[in-house]
């Protein structure tokens, strides 16, 4: 039974290894929100700690990001533990470097996502959002990503960003260690992978494509 509602998951971690502030990457939430809304879905938001999540990467010259900041109230997001997975058709985890710190260890996030996926929902993530998949096992104990085609922020992009020694782990490498079949495009180029009900994208340029792919899977 469909709910016509999609959840976008956001990090609550705001410190980039002591270098500067970070958080969720605004375009990776705003552009999927626009795609989902235009497709007729209700879009809700949750964060690891609840409340107002920290934000990074805002470019208000982008009309979609500006509209997002004007129309979406994120001051009181629920935690994943507060939500019923049966209320959603899909979850998309937005990136931003903060996700590397709190997504992998949030057991409520993992439990919510496992339940949603095992009841037939779509799980999606973009850029550093696939960090949510690194702590996610199915009910039989196997990692969700094992044997699956995925995309995520690449080790090459992390190196180009100068943050290889700052992040707690390299996302591409960790996914591959879990048995994922990672593919990547050139640095900063859009790249989206759909493997059944798992949709992933490489970087901020992939955000719209990931959301469009989620809608395509839901429409099947």
Protein backbone atom coordinates (compact mmCIF):
# COMPACT_ATOMS: atom_id res chain seq x y z
CA UNK A 1 0.00 0.00 0.00
CA UNK A 2 1.57 3.26 -1.12
CA UNK A 3 1.67 6.36 1.07
CA UNK A 4 2.70 8.91 -1.58
CA UNK A 5 5.19 10.24 0.99
CA UNK A 6 8.97 10.34 0.72
CA UNK A 7 11.38 11.03 3.58
CA UNK A 8 14.64 12.93 3.12
CA UNK A 9 17.18 12.07 5.83
CA UNK A 10 19.67 14.68 7.06
CA UNK A 11 22.81 14.62 9.19
CA UNK A 12 22.94 16.37 12.55
CA UNK A 13 26.75 16.53 12.65
CA UNK A 14 28.14 20.03 12.18
CA UNK A 15 31.91 19.75 12.68
CA UNK A 16 34.25 18.88 9.80
CA UNK A 17 37.03 17.31 11.84
CA UNK A 18 37.81 20.63 13.54
CA UNK A 19 38.48 22.40 10.22
CA UNK A 20 35.19 24.22 9.81
CA UNK A 21 31.48 23.77 10.16
CA UNK A 22 29.60 21.31 7.98
CA UNK A 23 26.20 19.62 7.93
CA UNK A 24 23.81 18.43 5.25
CA UNK A 25 24.55 19.82 1.79
CA UNK A 26 21.64 22.08 0.91
CA UNK A 27 21.36 21.33 -2.84
CA UNK A 28 21.27 17.59 -2.09
CA UNK A 29 18.08 18.14 -0.11
CA UNK A 30 16.60 20.98 -2.16
CA UNK A 31 16.80 19.47 -5.62
CA UNK A 32 15.27 16.09 -4.63
CA UNK A 33 12.57 17.98 -2.71
CA UNK A 34 11.72 19.86 -5.90
CA UNK A 35 11.64 16.67 -8.03
CA UNK A 36 9.52 14.75 -5.52
CA UNK A 37 7.12 17.65 -4.99
CA UNK A 38 6.70 18.18 -8.73
CA UNK A 39 5.93 14.46 -9.09
CA UNK A 40 3.09 14.79 -6.59
CA UNK A 41 4.71 13.34 -3.49
CA UNK A 42 4.52 14.70 0.03
CA UNK A 43 8.08 15.26 1.24
CA UNK A 44 9.03 15.04 4.90
CA UNK A 45 12.38 15.39 6.65
CA UNK A 46 14.15 13.71 9.55
CA UNK A 47 17.58 14.05 11.13
CA UNK A 48 19.77 11.95 13.39
CA UNK A 49 19.39 14.11 16.50
CA UNK A 50 16.13 15.86 15.66
CA UNK A 51 15.59 19.59 15.79
CA UNK A 52 17.25 21.90 13.27
CA UNK A 53 20.11 20.19 11.43
CA UNK A 54 23.25 22.13 10.44
CA UNK A 55 23.50 23.11 6.80
CA UNK A 56 26.41 23.50 4.38
CA UNK A 57 26.89 24.43 0.74
CA UNK A 58 24.01 26.86 0.33
CA UNK A 59 23.89 28.81 -2.94
CA UNK A 60 20.86 31.06 -2.87
CA UNK A 61 21.51 32.23 -6.41
CA UNK A 62 20.05 28.82 -7.30
CA UNK A 63 16.28 29.39 -7.40
CA UNK A 64 15.55 25.85 -6.18
CA UNK A 65 17.73 26.27 -3.12
CA UNK A 66 16.27 29.69 -2.45
CA UNK A 67 12.71 28.35 -2.74
CA UNK A 68 13.62 25.46 -0.43
CA UNK A 69 14.89 27.80 2.28
CA UNK A 70 11.77 29.94 1.95
CA UNK A 71 9.20 27.12 1.97
CA UNK A 72 10.65 24.27 4.07
CA UNK A 73 10.74 24.54 7.85
CA UNK A 74 13.49 22.34 9.29
CA UNK A 75 13.56 23.85 12.78
CA UNK A 76 11.88 20.83 14.38
CA UNK A 77 12.75 17.71 12.39
CA UNK A 78 11.92 14.38 14.05
CA UNK A 79 14.52 11.71 14.72
CA UNK A 80 14.38 8.45 12.79
CA UNK A 81 13.39 6.73 16.03
CA UNK A 82 10.24 8.86 16.09
CA UNK A 83 8.99 7.66 12.70
CA UNK A 84 7.04 4.65 11.42
CA UNK A 85 8.61 3.24 8.24
CA UNK A 86 5.17 2.13 7.07
CA UNK A 87 4.35 5.79 6.49
CA UNK A 88 6.78 6.20 3.60
CA UNK A 89 7.30 4.88 0.09
CA UNK A 90 10.97 5.84 0.01
CA UNK A 91 13.80 7.43 1.94
CA UNK A 92 16.59 9.48 0.40
CA UNK A 93 19.69 10.30 2.42
CA UNK A 94 21.16 13.65 1.45
CA UNK A 95 24.90 14.07 1.73
CA UNK A 96 27.13 16.68 3.21
CA UNK A 97 30.29 15.69 5.05
CA UNK A 98 28.48 15.57 8.39
CA UNK A 99 26.82 12.35 7.26
CA UNK A 100 30.16 10.56 7.51
CA UNK A 101 30.16 10.97 11.27
CA UNK A 102 26.61 10.23 12.40
CA UNK A 103 24.82 8.24 9.69
CA UNK A 104 26.80 4.99 10.05
CA UNK A 105 26.29 4.60 13.81
CA UNK A 106 22.64 5.64 14.17
CA UNK A 107 20.84 2.40 14.98
CA UNK A 108 17.43 4.09 14.66
CA UNK A 109 18.30 5.23 11.15
CA UNK A 110 19.42 1.70 10.26
CA UNK A 111 16.31 0.11 11.74
CA UNK A 112 13.98 2.53 10.01
CA UNK A 113 15.67 1.98 6.67
CA UNK A 114 15.80 -1.81 7.00
CA UNK A 115 12.09 -1.96 7.80
CA UNK A 116 11.18 0.37 4.94
CA UNK A 117 13.27 -1.61 2.46
CA UNK A 118 12.03 -5.03 3.61
CA UNK A 119 8.41 -3.96 3.27
CA UNK A 120 9.07 -3.00 -0.38
CA UNK A 121 10.15 0.62 -0.12
CA UNK A 122 12.89 2.39 -2.06
CA UNK A 123 16.18 3.37 -0.38
CA UNK A 124 18.23 6.14 -1.98
CA UNK A 125 21.30 8.18 -1.13
CA UNK A 126 23.51 10.76 -2.80
CA UNK A 127 27.12 11.90 -2.41
CA UNK A 128 28.06 11.26 1.26
CA UNK A 129 24.49 10.11 1.97
CA UNK A 130 25.46 6.47 1.25
CA UNK A 131 27.30 6.61 4.57
CA UNK A 132 23.86 5.62 5.88
CA UNK A 133 24.24 2.32 4.05
CA UNK A 134 27.53 1.41 5.73
CA UNK A 135 25.82 0.60 9.01
CA UNK A 136 22.77 -1.07 7.50
CA UNK A 137 22.24 -4.81 7.54
CA UNK A 138 19.13 -6.70 6.51
CA UNK A 139 17.25 -9.00 8.86
CA UNK A 140 19.42 -11.94 7.80
CA UNK A 141 22.55 -10.04 8.83
CA UNK A 142 23.93 -9.27 5.37
CA UNK A 143 24.82 -5.68 4.43
CA UNK A 144 22.18 -4.11 2.19
CA UNK A 145 24.91 -3.11 -0.26
CA UNK A 146 26.54 -6.55 -0.53
CA UNK A 147 26.61 -7.57 -4.18
CA UNK A 148 24.71 -4.44 -5.22
CA UNK A 149 25.67 -1.80 -7.77
CA UNK A 150 26.18 1.53 -6.01
CA UNK A 151 27.55 5.02 -6.53
CA UNK A 152 28.86 7.39 -3.86
CA UNK A 153 31.34 10.22 -3.35
CA UNK A 154 34.51 8.66 -4.70
CA UNK A 155 37.89 8.30 -3.04
CA UNK A 156 39.22 10.42 -5.91
CA UNK A 157 36.77 13.22 -5.13
CA UNK A 158 37.61 13.06 -1.41
CA UNK A 159 41.27 13.42 -2.32
CA UNK A 160 40.51 16.32 -4.66
CA UNK A 161 38.63 17.99 -1.81
CA UNK A 162 41.72 17.60 0.40
CA UNK A 163 39.77 15.74 3.08
CA UNK A 164 41.11 12.18 2.83
CA UNK A 165 42.79 12.50 6.23
CA UNK A 166 39.89 14.39 7.80
CA UNK A 167 36.89 12.14 7.22
CA UNK A 168 36.54 9.12 9.54
CA UNK A 169 36.75 6.73 6.56
CA UNK A 170 36.68 6.77 2.76
CA UNK A 171 33.13 6.13 1.63
CA UNK A 172 33.84 4.34 -1.63
CA UNK A 173 36.38 2.06 0.03
CA UNK A 174 34.05 1.24 2.93
CA UNK A 175 31.19 0.35 0.61
CA UNK A 176 33.51 -1.90 -1.38
CA UNK A 177 34.68 -3.57 1.84
CA UNK A 178 31.02 -4.39 2.53
CA UNK A 179 30.73 -6.12 -0.84
CA UNK A 180 29.24 -3.31 -2.89
CA UNK A 181 30.05 -3.05 -6.59
CA UNK A 182 30.95 0.64 -6.74
CA UNK A 183 31.11 2.49 -10.03
CA UNK A 184 32.14 6.09 -10.54
CA UNK A 185 32.28 8.79 -13.17
CA UNK A 186 35.01 11.43 -13.46
CA UNK A 187 35.28 13.78 -10.49
CA UNK A 188 32.23 16.04 -10.05
CA UNK A 189 30.32 14.53 -13.00
CA UNK A 190 26.77 13.27 -12.42
CA UNK A 191 26.46 9.52 -12.00
CA UNK A 192 23.35 7.64 -10.82
CA UNK A 193 22.98 3.90 -10.28
CA UNK A 194 19.71 2.01 -9.83
CA UNK A 195 19.87 -1.58 -8.55
CA UNK A 196 16.33 -2.76 -7.90
CA UNK A 197 14.95 -0.64 -5.06
CA UNK A 198 18.36 0.84 -4.21
CA UNK A 199 19.22 4.16 -5.90
CA UNK A 200 22.53 5.95 -5.33
CA UNK A 201 24.38 8.92 -6.78
CA UNK A 202 27.98 10.06 -6.75
CA UNK A 203 28.02 13.75 -5.86
CA UNK A 204 25.95 16.95 -5.65
CA UNK A 205 25.61 17.01 -9.45
CA UNK A 206 23.77 13.69 -9.16
CA UNK A 207 21.05 14.93 -6.77
CA UNK A 208 18.34 15.63 -9.34
CA UNK A 209 19.08 12.40 -11.20
CA UNK A 210 18.84 10.33 -8.04
CA UNK A 211 15.46 11.83 -7.21
CA UNK A 212 14.21 11.25 -10.76
CA UNK A 213 15.38 7.65 -10.56
CA UNK A 214 13.53 7.16 -7.26
CA UNK A 215 10.33 8.44 -8.88
CA UNK A 216 10.88 6.08 -11.82
CA UNK A 217 11.24 3.07 -9.50
CA UNK A 218 8.14 4.07 -7.53
CA UNK A 219 6.09 4.44 -10.71
CA UNK A 220 6.88 0.89 -11.85
